[in-house]
């Protein structure tokens, strides 16, 4: 979901739990669930998807904003790791 107002403020919101309801753990009294975005990483350092600094899980999502003439112009979302270089 992307919204914008007449003053150029933009907000991009994506449901980001990966497997439906995330980890299944909820903060007591708040109803906020923990995420599990690292599920597709491996602890095997020999594999390409091993945990390491600077790596992104295959299913990472990106939110972006486009400026035109130094003013907010557009917002976008990508939902798949397939597009990463």
Foldseek 3Di string as FASTA:
>chain_A
DWDADPVQDIDDDDPAQVPVQRPPDADPPPRDGDHDQLVQADCPPVDPRHDDPPDGPQQDKDKDFDDDPNGTDDIDIDGGSPPPD
